[in-house]
mmCIF file of all heavy atoms, coordinates in Angstrom:
data_MODEL
# 
_entry.id   MODEL 
# 
loop_
_atom_site.group_PDB 
_atom_site.id 
_atom_site.type_symbol 
_atom_site.label_atom_id 
_atom_site.label_alt_id 
_atom_site.label_comp_id 
_atom_site.label_asym_id 
_atom_site.label_entity_id 
_atom_site.label_seq_id 
_atom_site.pdbx_PDB_ins_code 
_atom_site.Cartn_x 
_atom_site.Cartn_y 
_atom_site.Cartn_z 
_atom_site.occupancy 
_atom_site.B_iso_or_equiv 
_atom_site.pdbx_formal_charge 
_atom_site.auth_seq_id 
_atom_site.auth_comp_id 
_atom_site.auth_asym_id 
_atom_site.auth_atom_id 
_atom_site.pdbx_PDB_model_num 
ATOM 1   N N   . PHE A 1 1  ? -16.722 47.587 -11.046 1.00 0.00 ? 1  PHE A N   1 
ATOM 2   C CA  . PHE A 1 1  ? -16.057 47.697 -9.746  1.00 0.00 ? 1  PHE A CA  1 
ATOM 3   C C   . PHE A 1 1  ? -16.159 49.125 -9.204  1.00 0.00 ? 1  PHE A C   1 
ATOM 4   O O   . PHE A 1 1  ? -16.350 49.315 -8.005  1.00 0.00 ? 1  PHE A O   1 
ATOM 5   C CB  . PHE A 1 1  ? -14.589 47.273 -9.854  1.00 0.00 ? 1  PHE A CB  1 
ATOM 6   C CG  . PHE A 1 1  ? -14.382 45.795 -9.717  1.00 0.00 ? 1  PHE A CG  1 
ATOM 7   C CD1 . PHE A 1 1  ? -14.519 44.956 -10.807 1.00 0.00 ? 1  PHE A CD1 1 
ATOM 8   C CD2 . PHE A 1 1  ? -14.043 45.228 -8.503  1.00 0.00 ? 1  PHE A CD2 1 
ATOM 9   C CE1 . PHE A 1 1  ? -14.329 43.598 -10.692 1.00 0.00 ? 1  PHE A CE1 1 
ATOM 10  C CE2 . PHE A 1 1  ? -13.848 43.869 -8.372  1.00 0.00 ? 1  PHE A CE2 1 
ATOM 11  C CZ  . PHE A 1 1  ? -13.991 43.048 -9.469  1.00 0.00 ? 1  PHE A CZ  1 
ATOM 12  N N   . GLU A 1 2  ? -16.006 50.121 -10.076 1.00 0.00 ? 2  GLU A N   1 
ATOM 13  C CA  . GLU A 1 2  ? -16.097 51.517 -9.641  1.00 0.00 ? 2  GLU A CA  1 
ATOM 14  C C   . GLU A 1 2  ? -17.473 51.828 -9.060  1.00 0.00 ? 2  GLU A C   1 
ATOM 15  O O   . GLU A 1 2  ? -17.590 52.606 -8.117  1.00 0.00 ? 2  GLU A O   1 
ATOM 16  C CB  . GLU A 1 2  ? -15.812 52.470 -10.798 1.00 0.00 ? 2  GLU A CB  1 
ATOM 17  C CG  . GLU A 1 2  ? -14.366 52.595 -11.161 1.00 0.00 ? 2  GLU A CG  1 
ATOM 18  C CD  . GLU A 1 2  ? -14.133 53.482 -12.374 1.00 0.00 ? 2  GLU A CD  1 
ATOM 19  O OE1 . GLU A 1 2  ? -15.120 53.919 -13.012 1.00 0.00 ? 2  GLU A OE1 1 
ATOM 20  O OE2 . GLU A 1 2  ? -12.962 53.741 -12.694 1.00 0.00 ? 2  GLU A OE2 1 
ATOM 21  N N   . ASP A 1 3  ? -18.516 51.228 -9.634  1.00 0.00 ? 3  ASP A N   1 
ATOM 22  C CA  . ASP A 1 3  ? -19.869 51.467 -9.130  1.00 0.00 ? 3  ASP A CA  1 
ATOM 23  C C   . ASP A 1 3  ? -20.071 50.891 -7.738  1.00 0.00 ? 3  ASP A C   1 
ATOM 24  O O   . ASP A 1 3  ? -20.986 51.299 -7.023  1.00 0.00 ? 3  ASP A O   1 
ATOM 25  C CB  . ASP A 1 3  ? -20.907 50.874 -10.088 1.00 0.00 ? 3  ASP A CB  1 
ATOM 26  C CG  . ASP A 1 3  ? -20.994 51.645 -11.398 1.00 0.00 ? 3  ASP A CG  1 
ATOM 27  O OD1 . ASP A 1 3  ? -20.511 52.801 -11.435 1.00 0.00 ? 3  ASP A OD1 1 
ATOM 28  O OD2 . ASP A 1 3  ? -21.523 51.090 -12.379 1.00 0.00 ? 3  ASP A OD2 1 
ATOM 29  N N   . SER A 1 4  ? -19.245 49.932 -7.346  1.00 0.00 ? 4  SER A N   1 
ATOM 30  C CA  . SER A 1 4  ? -19.370 49.296 -6.031  1.00 0.00 ? 4  SER A CA  1 
ATOM 31  C C   . SER A 1 4  ? -18.549 49.983 -4.954  1.00 0.00 ? 4  SER A C   1 
ATOM 32  O O   . SER A 1 4  ? -18.645 49.631 -3.793  1.00 0.00 ? 4  SER A O   1 
ATOM 33  C CB  . SER A 1 4  ? -18.944 47.827 -6.118  1.00 0.00 ? 4  SER A CB  1 
ATOM 34  O OG  . SER A 1 4  ? -19.785 47.130 -7.004  1.00 0.00 ? 4  SER A OG  1 
ATOM 35  N N   . VAL A 1 5  ? -17.724 50.952 -5.336  1.00 0.00 ? 5  VAL A N   1 
ATOM 36  C CA  . VAL A 1 5  ? -16.859 51.654 -4.377  1.00 0.00 ? 5  VAL A CA  1 
ATOM 37  C C   . VAL A 1 5  ? -17.492 52.995 -4.025  1.00 0.00 ? 5  VAL A C   1 
ATOM 38  O O   . VAL A 1 5  ? -17.904 53.744 -4.902  1.00 0.00 ? 5  VAL A O   1 
ATOM 39  C CB  . VAL A 1 5  ? -15.447 51.868 -4.974  1.00 0.00 ? 5  VAL A CB  1 
ATOM 40  C CG1 . VAL A 1 5  ? -14.597 52.702 -4.038  1.00 0.00 ? 5  VAL A CG1 1 
ATOM 41  C CG2 . VAL A 1 5  ? -14.788 50.543 -5.254  1.00 0.00 ? 5  VAL A CG2 1 
ATOM 42  N N   . ARG A 1 6  ? -17.553 53.291 -2.734  1.00 0.00 ? 6  ARG A N   1 
ATOM 43  C CA  . ARG A 1 6  ? -18.085 54.575 -2.259  1.00 0.00 ? 6  ARG A CA  1 
ATOM 44  C C   . ARG A 1 6  ? -17.116 55.175 -1.248  1.00 0.00 ? 6  ARG A C   1 
ATOM 45  O O   . ARG A 1 6  ? -16.609 54.464 -0.375  1.00 0.00 ? 6  ARG A O   1 
ATOM 46  C CB  . ARG A 1 6  ? -19.429 54.400 -1.551  1.00 0.00 ? 6  ARG A CB  1 
ATOM 47  C CG  . ARG A 1 6  ? -20.535 53.890 -2.409  1.00 0.00 ? 6  ARG A CG  1 
ATOM 48  C CD  . ARG A 1 6  ? -21.234 55.030 -3.134  1.00 0.00 ? 6  ARG A CD  1 
ATOM 49  N NE  . ARG A 1 6  ? -22.329 54.523 -3.926  1.00 0.00 ? 6  ARG A NE  1 
ATOM 50  C CZ  . ARG A 1 6  ? -22.249 54.234 -5.199  1.00 0.00 ? 6  ARG A CZ  1 
ATOM 51  N NH1 . ARG A 1 6  ? -21.136 54.392 -5.837  1.00 0.00 ? 6  ARG A NH1 1 
ATOM 52  N NH2 . ARG A 1 6  ? -23.285 53.781 -5.865  1.00 0.00 ? 6  ARG A NH2 1 
ATOM 53  N N   . ALA A 1 7  ? -16.896 56.453 -1.355  1.00 0.00 ? 7  ALA A N   1 
ATOM 54  C CA  . ALA A 1 7  ? -16.101 57.192 -0.373  1.00 0.00 ? 7  ALA A CA  1 
ATOM 55  C C   . ALA A 1 7  ? -16.972 58.321 0.151   1.00 0.00 ? 7  ALA A C   1 
ATOM 56  O O   . ALA A 1 7  ? -17.517 59.098 -0.631  1.00 0.00 ? 7  ALA A O   1 
ATOM 57  C CB  . ALA A 1 7  ? -14.824 57.734 -1.012  1.00 0.00 ? 7  ALA A CB  1 
ATOM 58  N N   . GLN A 1 8  ? -17.111 58.398 1.477   1.00 0.00 ? 8  GLN A N   1 
ATOM 59  C CA  . GLN A 1 8  ? -17.986 59.396 2.087   1.00 0.00 ? 8  GLN A CA  1 
ATOM 60  C C   . GLN A 1 8  ? -17.249 60.131 3.203   1.00 0.00 ? 8  GLN A C   1 
ATOM 61  O O   . GLN A 1 8  ? -16.414 59.548 3.895   1.00 0.00 ? 8  GLN A O   1 
ATOM 62  C CB  . GLN A 1 8  ? -19.227 58.726 2.679   1.00 0.00 ? 8  GLN A CB  1 
ATOM 63  C CG  . GLN A 1 8  ? -20.059 57.991 1.674   1.00 0.00 ? 8  GLN A CG  1 
ATOM 64  C CD  . GLN A 1 8  ? -21.117 57.132 2.335   1.00 0.00 ? 8  GLN A CD  1 
ATOM 65  O OE1 . GLN A 1 8  ? -20.934 56.645 3.445   1.00 0.00 ? 8  GLN A OE1 1 
ATOM 66  N NE2 . GLN A 1 8  ? -22.223 56.937 1.639   1.00 0.00 ? 8  GLN A NE2 1 
ATOM 67  N N   . ASP A 1 9  ? -17.614 61.395 3.373   1.00 0.00 ? 9  ASP A N   1 
ATOM 68  C CA  . ASP A 1 9  ? -17.061 62.194 4.462   1.00 0.00 ? 9  ASP A CA  1 
ATOM 69  C C   . ASP A 1 9  ? -17.750 61.756 5.757   1.00 0.00 ? 9  ASP A C   1 
ATOM 70  O O   . ASP A 1 9  ? -18.974 61.716 5.842   1.00 0.00 ? 9  ASP A O   1 
ATOM 71  C CB  . ASP A 1 9  ? -17.327 63.671 4.182   1.00 0.00 ? 9  ASP A CB  1 
ATOM 72  C CG  . ASP A 1 9  ? -16.570 64.582 5.121   1.00 0.00 ? 9  ASP A CG  1 
ATOM 73  O OD1 . ASP A 1 9  ? -15.802 64.079 5.956   1.00 0.00 ? 9  ASP A OD1 1 
ATOM 74  O OD2 . ASP A 1 9  ? -16.739 65.805 4.998   1.00 0.00 ? 9  ASP A OD2 1 
ATOM 75  N N   . GLN A 1 10 ? -16.954 61.450 6.761   1.00 0.00 ? 10 GLN A N   1 
ATOM 76  C CA  . GLN A 1 10 ? -17.516 60.925 8.001   1.00 0.00 ? 10 GLN A CA  1 
ATOM 77  C C   . GLN A 1 10 ? -17.691 62.004 9.065   1.00 0.00 ? 10 GLN A C   1 
ATOM 78  O O   . GLN A 1 10 ? -18.564 61.883 9.903   1.00 0.00 ? 10 GLN A O   1 
ATOM 79  C CB  . GLN A 1 10 ? -16.595 59.813 8.528   1.00 0.00 ? 10 GLN A CB  1 
ATOM 80  C CG  . GLN A 1 10 ? -17.230 58.894 9.507   1.00 0.00 ? 10 GLN A CG  1 
ATOM 81  C CD  . GLN A 1 10 ? -18.410 58.145 8.925   1.00 0.00 ? 10 GLN A CD  1 
ATOM 82  O OE1 . GLN A 1 10 ? -18.505 57.913 7.743   1.00 0.00 ? 10 GLN A OE1 1 
ATOM 83  N NE2 . GLN A 1 10 ? -19.335 57.769 9.774   1.00 0.00 ? 10 GLN A NE2 1 
ATOM 84  N N   . ASN A 1 11 ? -16.869 63.035 9.043   1.00 0.00 ? 11 ASN A N   1 
ATOM 85  C CA  . ASN A 1 11 ? -16.958 64.063 10.098  1.00 0.00 ? 11 ASN A CA  1 
ATOM 86  C C   . ASN A 1 11 ? -16.904 65.468 9.510   1.00 0.00 ? 11 ASN A C   1 
ATOM 87  O O   . ASN A 1 11 ? -16.079 66.272 9.890   1.00 0.00 ? 11 ASN A O   1 
ATOM 88  C CB  . ASN A 1 11 ? -15.838 63.865 11.133  1.00 0.00 ? 11 ASN A CB  1 
ATOM 89  C CG  . ASN A 1 11 ? -14.464 64.133 10.566  1.00 0.00 ? 11 ASN A CG  1 
ATOM 90  O OD1 . ASN A 1 11 ? -14.251 64.010 9.368   1.00 0.00 ? 11 ASN A OD1 1 
ATOM 91  N ND2 . ASN A 1 11 ? -13.536 64.507 11.412  1.00 0.00 ? 11 ASN A ND2 1 
ATOM 92  N N   . GLY A 1 12 ? -17.789 65.766 8.591   1.00 0.00 ? 12 GLY A N   1 
ATOM 93  C CA  . GLY A 1 12 ? -17.782 67.071 7.923   1.00 0.00 ? 12 GLY A CA  1 
ATOM 94  C C   . GLY A 1 12 ? -18.388 68.161 8.774   1.00 0.00 ? 12 GLY A C   1 
ATOM 95  O O   . GLY A 1 12 ? -19.566 68.451 8.662   1.00 0.00 ? 12 GLY A O   1 
ATOM 96  N N   . GLU A 1 13 ? -17.592 68.775 9.627   1.00 0.00 ? 13 GLU A N   1 
ATOM 97  C CA  . GLU A 1 13 ? -18.090 69.860 10.454  1.00 0.00 ? 13 GLU A CA  1 
ATOM 98  C C   . GLU A 1 13 ? -17.138 71.044 10.388  1.00 0.00 ? 13 GLU A C   1 
ATOM 99  O O   . GLU A 1 13 ? -15.983 70.900 9.975   1.00 0.00 ? 13 GLU A O   1 
ATOM 100 C CB  . GLU A 1 13 ? -18.273 69.408 11.903  1.00 0.00 ? 13 GLU A CB  1 
ATOM 101 C CG  . GLU A 1 13 ? -16.983 69.031 12.585  1.00 0.00 ? 13 GLU A CG  1 
ATOM 102 C CD  . GLU A 1 13 ? -17.008 67.630 13.156  1.00 0.00 ? 13 GLU A CD  1 
ATOM 103 O OE1 . GLU A 1 13 ? -17.933 66.874 12.901  1.00 0.00 ? 13 GLU A OE1 1 
ATOM 104 O OE2 . GLU A 1 13 ? -16.057 67.296 13.847  1.00 0.00 ? 13 GLU A OE2 1 
ATOM 105 N N   . LYS A 1 14 ? -17.600 72.177 10.817  1.00 0.00 ? 14 LYS A N   1 
ATOM 106 C CA  . LYS A 1 14 ? -16.804 73.403 10.750  1.00 0.00 ? 14 LYS A CA  1 
ATOM 107 C C   . LYS A 1 14 ? -15.645 73.322 11.746  1.00 0.00 ? 14 LYS A C   1 
ATOM 108 O O   . LYS A 1 14 ? -15.809 72.911 12.881  1.00 0.00 ? 14 LYS A O   1 
ATOM 109 C CB  . LYS A 1 14 ? -17.687 74.597 11.083  1.00 0.00 ? 14 LYS A CB  1 
ATOM 110 C CG  . LYS A 1 14 ? -16.966 75.906 11.020  1.00 0.00 ? 14 LYS A CG  1 
ATOM 111 C CD  . LYS A 1 14 ? -17.880 77.052 11.337  1.00 0.00 ? 14 LYS A CD  1 
ATOM 112 C CE  . LYS A 1 14 ? -17.090 78.345 11.307  1.00 0.00 ? 14 LYS A CE  1 
ATOM 113 N NZ  . LYS A 1 14 ? -17.894 79.486 11.629  1.00 0.00 ? 14 LYS A NZ  1 
ATOM 114 N N   . GLY A 1 15 ? -14.466 73.706 11.258  1.00 0.00 ? 15 GLY A N   1 
ATOM 115 C CA  . GLY A 1 15 ? -13.306 73.799 12.134  1.00 0.00 ? 15 GLY A CA  1 
ATOM 116 C C   . GLY A 1 15 ? -12.699 72.477 12.557  1.00 0.00 ? 15 GLY A C   1 
ATOM 117 O O   . GLY A 1 15 ? -11.987 72.419 13.552  1.00 0.00 ? 15 GLY A O   1 
ATOM 118 N N   . ARG A 1 16 ? -12.931 71.427 11.840  1.00 0.00 ? 16 ARG A N   1 
ATOM 119 C CA  . ARG A 1 16 ? -12.352 70.132 12.232  1.00 0.00 ? 16 ARG A CA  1 
ATOM 120 C C   . ARG A 1 16 ? -10.844 70.137 12.019  1.00 0.00 ? 16 ARG A C   1 
ATOM 121 O O   . ARG A 1 16 ? -10.319 70.859 11.182  1.00 0.00 ? 16 ARG A O   1 
ATOM 122 C CB  . ARG A 1 16 ? -13.012 68.994 11.456  1.00 0.00 ? 16 ARG A CB  1 
ATOM 123 C CG  . ARG A 1 16 ? -12.842 69.078 9.956   1.00 0.00 ? 16 ARG A CG  1 
ATOM 124 C CD  . ARG A 1 16 ? -13.571 67.962 9.288   1.00 0.00 ? 16 ARG A CD  1 
ATOM 125 N NE  . ARG A 1 16 ? -13.660 68.172 7.845   1.00 0.00 ? 16 ARG A NE  1 
ATOM 126 C CZ  . ARG A 1 16 ? -14.122 67.275 7.015   1.00 0.00 ? 16 ARG A CZ  1 
ATOM 127 N NH1 . ARG A 1 16 ? -14.536 66.119 7.469   1.00 0.00 ? 16 ARG A NH1 1 
ATOM 128 N NH2 . ARG A 1 16 ? -14.185 67.528 5.734   1.00 0.00 ? 16 ARG A NH2 1 
ATOM 129 N N   . GLN A 1 17 ? -10.151 69.294 12.757  1.00 0.00 ? 17 GLN A N   1 
ATOM 130 C CA  . GLN A 1 17 ? -8.696  69.242 12.708  1.00 0.00 ? 17 GLN A CA  1 
ATOM 131 C C   . GLN A 1 17 ? -8.178  68.120 11.814  1.00 0.00 ? 17 GLN A C   1 
ATOM 132 O O   . GLN A 1 17 ? -6.984  68.047 11.551  1.00 0.00 ? 17 GLN A O   1 
ATOM 133 C CB  . GLN A 1 17 ? -8.133  69.063 14.124  1.00 0.00 ? 17 GLN A CB  1 
ATOM 134 C CG  . GLN A 1 17 ? -8.453  70.224 15.043  1.00 0.00 ? 17 GLN A CG  1 
ATOM 135 C CD  . GLN A 1 17 ? -7.851  71.528 14.544  1.00 0.00 ? 17 GLN A CD  1 
ATOM 136 O OE1 . GLN A 1 17 ? -6.680  71.580 14.200  1.00 0.00 ? 17 GLN A OE1 1 
ATOM 137 N NE2 . GLN A 1 17 ? -8.651  72.578 14.485  1.00 0.00 ? 17 GLN A NE2 1 
ATOM 138 N N   . TYR A 1 18 ? -9.046  67.222 11.385  1.00 0.00 ? 18 TYR A N   1 
ATOM 139 C CA  . TYR A 1 18 ? -8.671  66.127 10.494  1.00 0.00 ? 18 TYR A CA  1 
ATOM 140 C C   . TYR A 1 18 ? -9.920  65.671 9.753   1.00 0.00 ? 18 TYR A C   1 
ATOM 141 O O   . TYR A 1 18 ? -11.044 65.978 10.159  1.00 0.00 ? 18 TYR A O   1 
ATOM 142 C CB  . TYR A 1 18 ? -8.051  64.950 11.265  1.00 0.00 ? 18 TYR A CB  1 
ATOM 143 C CG  . TYR A 1 18 ? -8.959  64.368 12.312  1.00 0.00 ? 18 TYR A CG  1 
ATOM 144 C CD1 . TYR A 1 18 ? -9.798  63.307 12.015  1.00 0.00 ? 18 TYR A CD1 1 
ATOM 145 C CD2 . TYR A 1 18 ? -8.997  64.894 13.596  1.00 0.00 ? 18 TYR A CD2 1 
ATOM 146 C CE1 . TYR A 1 18 ? -10.655 62.782 12.962  1.00 0.00 ? 18 TYR A CE1 1 
ATOM 147 C CE2 . TYR A 1 18 ? -9.843  64.380 14.549  1.00 0.00 ? 18 TYR A CE2 1 
ATOM 148 C CZ  . TYR A 1 18 ? -10.660 63.315 14.236  1.00 0.00 ? 18 TYR A CZ  1 
ATOM 149 O OH  . TYR A 1 18 ? -11.508 62.801 15.181  1.00 0.00 ? 18 TYR A OH  1 
ATOM 150 N N   . ALA A 1 19 ? -9.719  64.931 8.676   1.00 0.00 ? 19 ALA A N   1 
ATOM 151 C CA  . ALA A 1 19 ? -10.858 64.431 7.891   1.00 0.00 ? 19 ALA A CA  1 
ATOM 152 C C   . ALA A 1 19 ? -10.913 62.913 8.014   1.00 0.00 ? 19 ALA A C   1 
ATOM 153 O O   . ALA A 1 19 ? -9.890  62.235 7.914   1.00 0.00 ? 19 ALA A O   1 
ATOM 154 C CB  . ALA A 1 19 ? -10.701 64.823 6.434   1.00 0.00 ? 19 ALA A CB  1 
ATOM 155 N N   . LEU A 1 20 ? -12.091 62.388 8.250   1.00 0.00 ? 20 LEU A N   1 
ATOM 156 C CA  . LEU A 1 20 ? -12.326 60.945 8.249   1.00 0.00 ? 20 LEU A CA  1 
ATOM 157 C C   . LEU A 1 20 ? -13.102 60.604 6.988   1.00 0.00 ? 20 LEU A C   1 
ATOM 158 O O   . LEU A 1 20 ? -14.175 61.144 6.750   1.00 0.00 ? 20 LEU A O   1 
ATOM 159 C CB  . LEU A 1 20 ? -13.151 60.515 9.463   1.00 0.00 ? 20 LEU A CB  1 
ATOM 160 C CG  . LEU A 1 20 ? -12.396 60.244 10.747  1.00 0.00 ? 20 LEU A CG  1 
ATOM 161 C CD1 . LEU A 1 20 ? -13.377 59.859 11.849  1.00 0.00 ? 20 LEU A CD1 1 
ATOM 162 C CD2 . LEU A 1 20 ? -11.360 59.182 10.587  1.00 0.00 ? 20 LEU A CD2 1 
ATOM 163 N N   . ILE A 1 21 ? -12.546 59.699 6.209   1.00 0.00 ? 21 ILE A N   1 
ATOM 164 C CA  . ILE A 1 21 ? -13.181 59.293 4.955   1.00 0.00 ? 21 ILE A CA  1 
ATOM 165 C C   . ILE A 1 21 ? -13.520 57.812 5.065   1.00 0.00 ? 21 ILE A C   1 
ATOM 166 O O   . ILE A 1 21 ? -12.645 56.978 5.272   1.00 0.00 ? 21 ILE A O   1 
ATOM 167 C CB  . ILE A 1 21 ? -12.235 59.531 3.757   1.00 0.00 ? 21 ILE A CB  1 
ATOM 168 C CG1 . ILE A 1 21 ? -11.824 61.004 3.709   1.00 0.00 ? 21 ILE A CG1 1 
ATOM 169 C CG2 . ILE A 1 21 ? -12.896 59.108 2.458   1.00 0.00 ? 21 ILE A CG2 1 
ATOM 170 C CD1 . ILE A 1 21 ? -10.647 61.280 2.813   1.00 0.00 ? 21 ILE A CD1 1 
ATOM 171 N N   . ARG A 1 22 ? -14.811 57.488 4.971   1.00 0.00 ? 22 ARG A N   1 
ATOM 172 C CA  . ARG A 1 22 ? -15.257 56.089 5.024   1.00 0.00 ? 22 ARG A CA  1 
ATOM 173 C C   . ARG A 1 22 ? -15.327 55.557 3.593   1.00 0.00 ? 22 ARG A C   1 
ATOM 174 O O   . ARG A 1 22 ? -16.055 56.076 2.763   1.00 0.00 ? 22 ARG A O   1 
ATOM 175 C CB  . ARG A 1 22 ? -16.626 55.961 5.675   1.00 0.00 ? 22 ARG A CB  1 
ATOM 176 C CG  . ARG A 1 22 ? -17.135 54.521 5.740   1.00 0.00 ? 22 ARG A CG  1 
ATOM 177 C CD  . ARG A 1 22 ? -18.477 54.415 6.431   1.00 0.00 ? 22 ARG A CD  1 
ATOM 178 N NE  . ARG A 1 22 ? -18.424 54.884 7.790   1.00 0.00 ? 22 ARG A NE  1 
ATOM 179 C CZ  . ARG A 1 22 ? -18.046 54.137 8.829   1.00 0.00 ? 22 ARG A CZ  1 
ATOM 180 N NH1 . ARG A 1 22 ? -17.649 52.918 8.646   1.00 0.00 ? 22 ARG A NH1 1 
ATOM 181 N NH2 . ARG A 1 22 ? -18.046 54.641 10.047  1.00 0.00 ? 22 ARG A NH2 1 
ATOM 182 N N   . VAL A 1 23 ? -14.568 54.491 3.345   1.00 0.00 ? 23 VAL A N   1 
ATOM 183 C CA  . VAL A 1 23 ? -14.539 53.865 2.031   1.00 0.00 ? 23 VAL A CA  1 
ATOM 184 C C   . VAL A 1 23 ? -15.218 52.502 2.163   1.00 0.00 ? 23 VAL A C   1 
ATOM 185 O O   . VAL A 1 23 ? -14.841 51.701 3.022   1.00 0.00 ? 23 VAL A O   1 
ATOM 186 C CB  . VAL A 1 23 ? -13.090 53.685 1.516   1.00 0.00 ? 23 VAL A CB  1 
ATOM 187 C CG1 . VAL A 1 23 ? -13.097 53.106 0.119   1.00 0.00 ? 23 VAL A CG1 1 
ATOM 188 C CG2 . VAL A 1 23 ? -12.353 55.001 1.541   1.00 0.00 ? 23 VAL A CG2 1 
ATOM 189 N N   . THR A 1 24 ? -16.243 52.263 1.334   1.00 0.00 ? 24 THR A N   1 
ATOM 190 C CA  . THR A 1 24 ? -16.951 50.984 1.366   1.00 0.00 ? 24 THR A CA  1 
ATOM 191 C C   . THR A 1 24 ? -16.923 50.347 -0.018  1.00 0.00 ? 24 THR A C   1 
ATOM 192 O O   . THR A 1 24 ? -16.884 51.033 -1.034  1.00 0.00 ? 24 THR A O   1 
ATOM 193 C CB  . THR A 1 24 ? -18.427 51.152 1.800   1.00 0.00 ? 24 THR A CB  1 
ATOM 194 O OG1 . THR A 1 24 ? -19.070 52.065 0.918   1.00 0.00 ? 24 THR A OG1 1 
ATOM 195 C CG2 . THR A 1 24 ? -18.530 51.673 3.218   1.00 0.00 ? 24 THR A CG2 1 
ATOM 196 N N   . TYR A 1 25 ? -16.944 49.023 -0.011  1.00 0.00 ? 25 TYR A N   1 
ATOM 197 C CA  . TYR A 1 25 ? -16.967 48.255 -1.253  1.00 0.00 ? 25 TYR A CA  1 
ATOM 198 C C   . TYR A 1 25 ? -17.951 47.118 -1.078  1.00 0.00 ? 25 TYR A C   1 
ATOM 199 O O   . TYR A 1 25 ? -17.879 46.359 -0.119  1.00 0.00 ? 25 TYR A O   1 
ATOM 200 C CB  . TYR A 1 25 ? -15.570 47.716 -1.574  1.00 0.00 ? 25 TYR A CB  1 
ATOM 201 C CG  . TYR A 1 25 ? -15.557 46.752 -2.726  1.00 0.00 ? 25 TYR A CG  1 
ATOM 202 C CD1 . TYR A 1 25 ? -15.846 47.174 -4.017  1.00 0.00 ? 25 TYR A CD1 1 
ATOM 203 C CD2 . TYR A 1 25 ? -15.296 45.408 -2.525  1.00 0.00 ? 25 TYR A CD2 1 
ATOM 204 C CE1 . TYR A 1 25 ? -15.856 46.289 -5.069  1.00 0.00 ? 25 TYR A CE1 1 
ATOM 205 C CE2 . TYR A 1 25 ? -15.297 44.509 -3.572  1.00 0.00 ? 25 TYR A CE2 1 
ATOM 206 C CZ  . TYR A 1 25 ? -15.583 44.956 -4.843  1.00 0.00 ? 25 TYR A CZ  1 
ATOM 207 O OH  . TYR A 1 25 ? -15.599 44.071 -5.884  1.00 0.00 ? 25 TYR A OH  1 
ATOM 208 N N   . LYS A 1 26 ? -18.918 47.004 -2.013  1.00 0.00 ? 26 LYS A N   1 
ATOM 209 C CA  . LYS A 1 26 ? -19.922 45.938 -1.990  1.00 0.00 ? 26 LYS A CA  1 
ATOM 210 C C   . LYS A 1 26 ? -19.597 44.933 -3.083  1.00 0.00 ? 26 LYS A C   1 
ATOM 211 O O   . LYS A 1 26 ? -19.335 45.314 -4.216  1.00 0.00 ? 26 LYS A O   1 
ATOM 212 C CB  . LYS A 1 26 ? -21.322 46.486 -2.246  1.00 0.00 ? 26 LYS A CB  1 
ATOM 213 C CG  . LYS A 1 26 ? -21.911 47.232 -1.112  1.00 0.00 ? 26 LYS A CG  1 
ATOM 214 C CD  . LYS A 1 26 ? -23.374 47.574 -1.274  1.00 0.00 ? 26 LYS A CD  1 
ATOM 215 C CE  . LYS A 1 26 ? -23.881 47.707 -2.660  1.00 0.00 ? 26 LYS A CE  1 
ATOM 216 N NZ  . LYS A 1 26 ? -25.253 48.152 -2.762  1.00 0.00 ? 26 LYS A NZ  1 
ATOM 217 N N   . ASP A 1 27 ? -19.647 43.644 -2.726  1.00 0.00 ? 27 ASP A N   1 
ATOM 218 C CA  . ASP A 1 27 ? -19.359 42.606 -3.703  1.00 0.00 ? 27 ASP A CA  1 
ATOM 219 C C   . ASP A 1 27 ? -20.175 41.364 -3.341  1.00 0.00 ? 27 ASP A C   1 
ATOM 220 O O   . ASP A 1 27 ? -20.474 41.124 -2.177  1.00 0.00 ? 27 ASP A O   1 
ATOM 221 C CB  . ASP A 1 27 ? -17.869 42.273 -3.690  1.00 0.00 ? 27 ASP A CB  1 
ATOM 222 C CG  . ASP A 1 27 ? -17.426 41.551 -4.945  1.00 0.00 ? 27 ASP A CG  1 
ATOM 223 O OD1 . ASP A 1 27 ? -18.288 41.010 -5.664  1.00 0.00 ? 27 ASP A OD1 1 
ATOM 224 O OD2 . ASP A 1 27 ? -16.213 41.526 -5.207  1.00 0.00 ? 27 ASP A OD2 1 
ATOM 225 N N   . ARG A 1 28 ? -20.487 40.589 -4.342  1.00 0.00 ? 28 ARG A N   1 
ATOM 226 C CA  . ARG A 1 28 ? -21.209 39.339 -4.096  1.00 0.00 ? 28 ARG A CA  1 
ATOM 227 C C   . ARG A 1 28 ? -20.267 38.232 -3.650  1.00 0.00 ? 28 ARG A C   1 
ATOM 228 O O   . ARG A 1 28 ? -20.701 37.222 -3.125  1.00 0.00 ? 28 ARG A O   1 
ATOM 229 C CB  . ARG A 1 28 ? -21.947 38.900 -5.356  1.00 0.00 ? 28 ARG A CB  1 
ATOM 230 C CG  . ARG A 1 28 ? -23.108 39.804 -5.668  1.00 0.00 ? 28 ARG A CG  1 
ATOM 231 C CD  . ARG A 1 28 ? -23.872 39.296 -6.844  1.00 0.00 ? 28 ARG A CD  1 
ATOM 232 N NE  . ARG A 1 28 ? -24.913 40.241 -7.205  1.00 0.00 ? 28 ARG A NE  1 
ATOM 233 C CZ  . ARG A 1 28 ? -25.556 40.213 -8.329  1.00 0.00 ? 28 ARG A CZ  1 
ATOM 234 N NH1 . ARG A 1 28 ? -25.288 39.297 -9.216  1.00 0.00 ? 28 ARG A NH1 1 
ATOM 235 N NH2 . ARG A 1 28 ? -26.478 41.111 -8.580  1.00 0.00 ? 28 ARG A NH2 1 
ATOM 236 N N   . ASP A 1 29 ? -18.983 38.403 -3.892  1.00 0.00 ? 29 ASP A N   1 
ATOM 237 C CA  . ASP A 1 29 ? -17.982 37.424 -3.493  1.00 0.00 ? 29 ASP A CA  1 
ATOM 238 C C   . ASP A 1 29 ? -17.355 37.890 -2.186  1.00 0.00 ? 29 ASP A C   1 
ATOM 239 O O   . ASP A 1 29 ? -16.581 38.842 -2.149  1.00 0.00 ? 29 ASP A O   1 
ATOM 240 C CB  . ASP A 1 29 ? -16.916 37.300 -4.586  1.00 0.00 ? 29 ASP A CB  1 
ATOM 241 C CG  . ASP A 1 29 ? -15.881 36.245 -4.285  1.00 0.00 ? 29 ASP A CG  1 
ATOM 242 O OD1 . ASP A 1 29 ? -16.042 35.522 -3.282  1.00 0.00 ? 29 ASP A OD1 1 
ATOM 243 O OD2 . ASP A 1 29 ? -14.910 36.131 -5.052  1.00 0.00 ? 29 ASP A OD2 1 
# 
């Protein structure tokens, strides 16, 4: 299950005021 979960930075730029983290999960079901 851990291998199917990904968390990525969505708006990694200098001086940003908040962080957006995209979390995805892939499953056959």
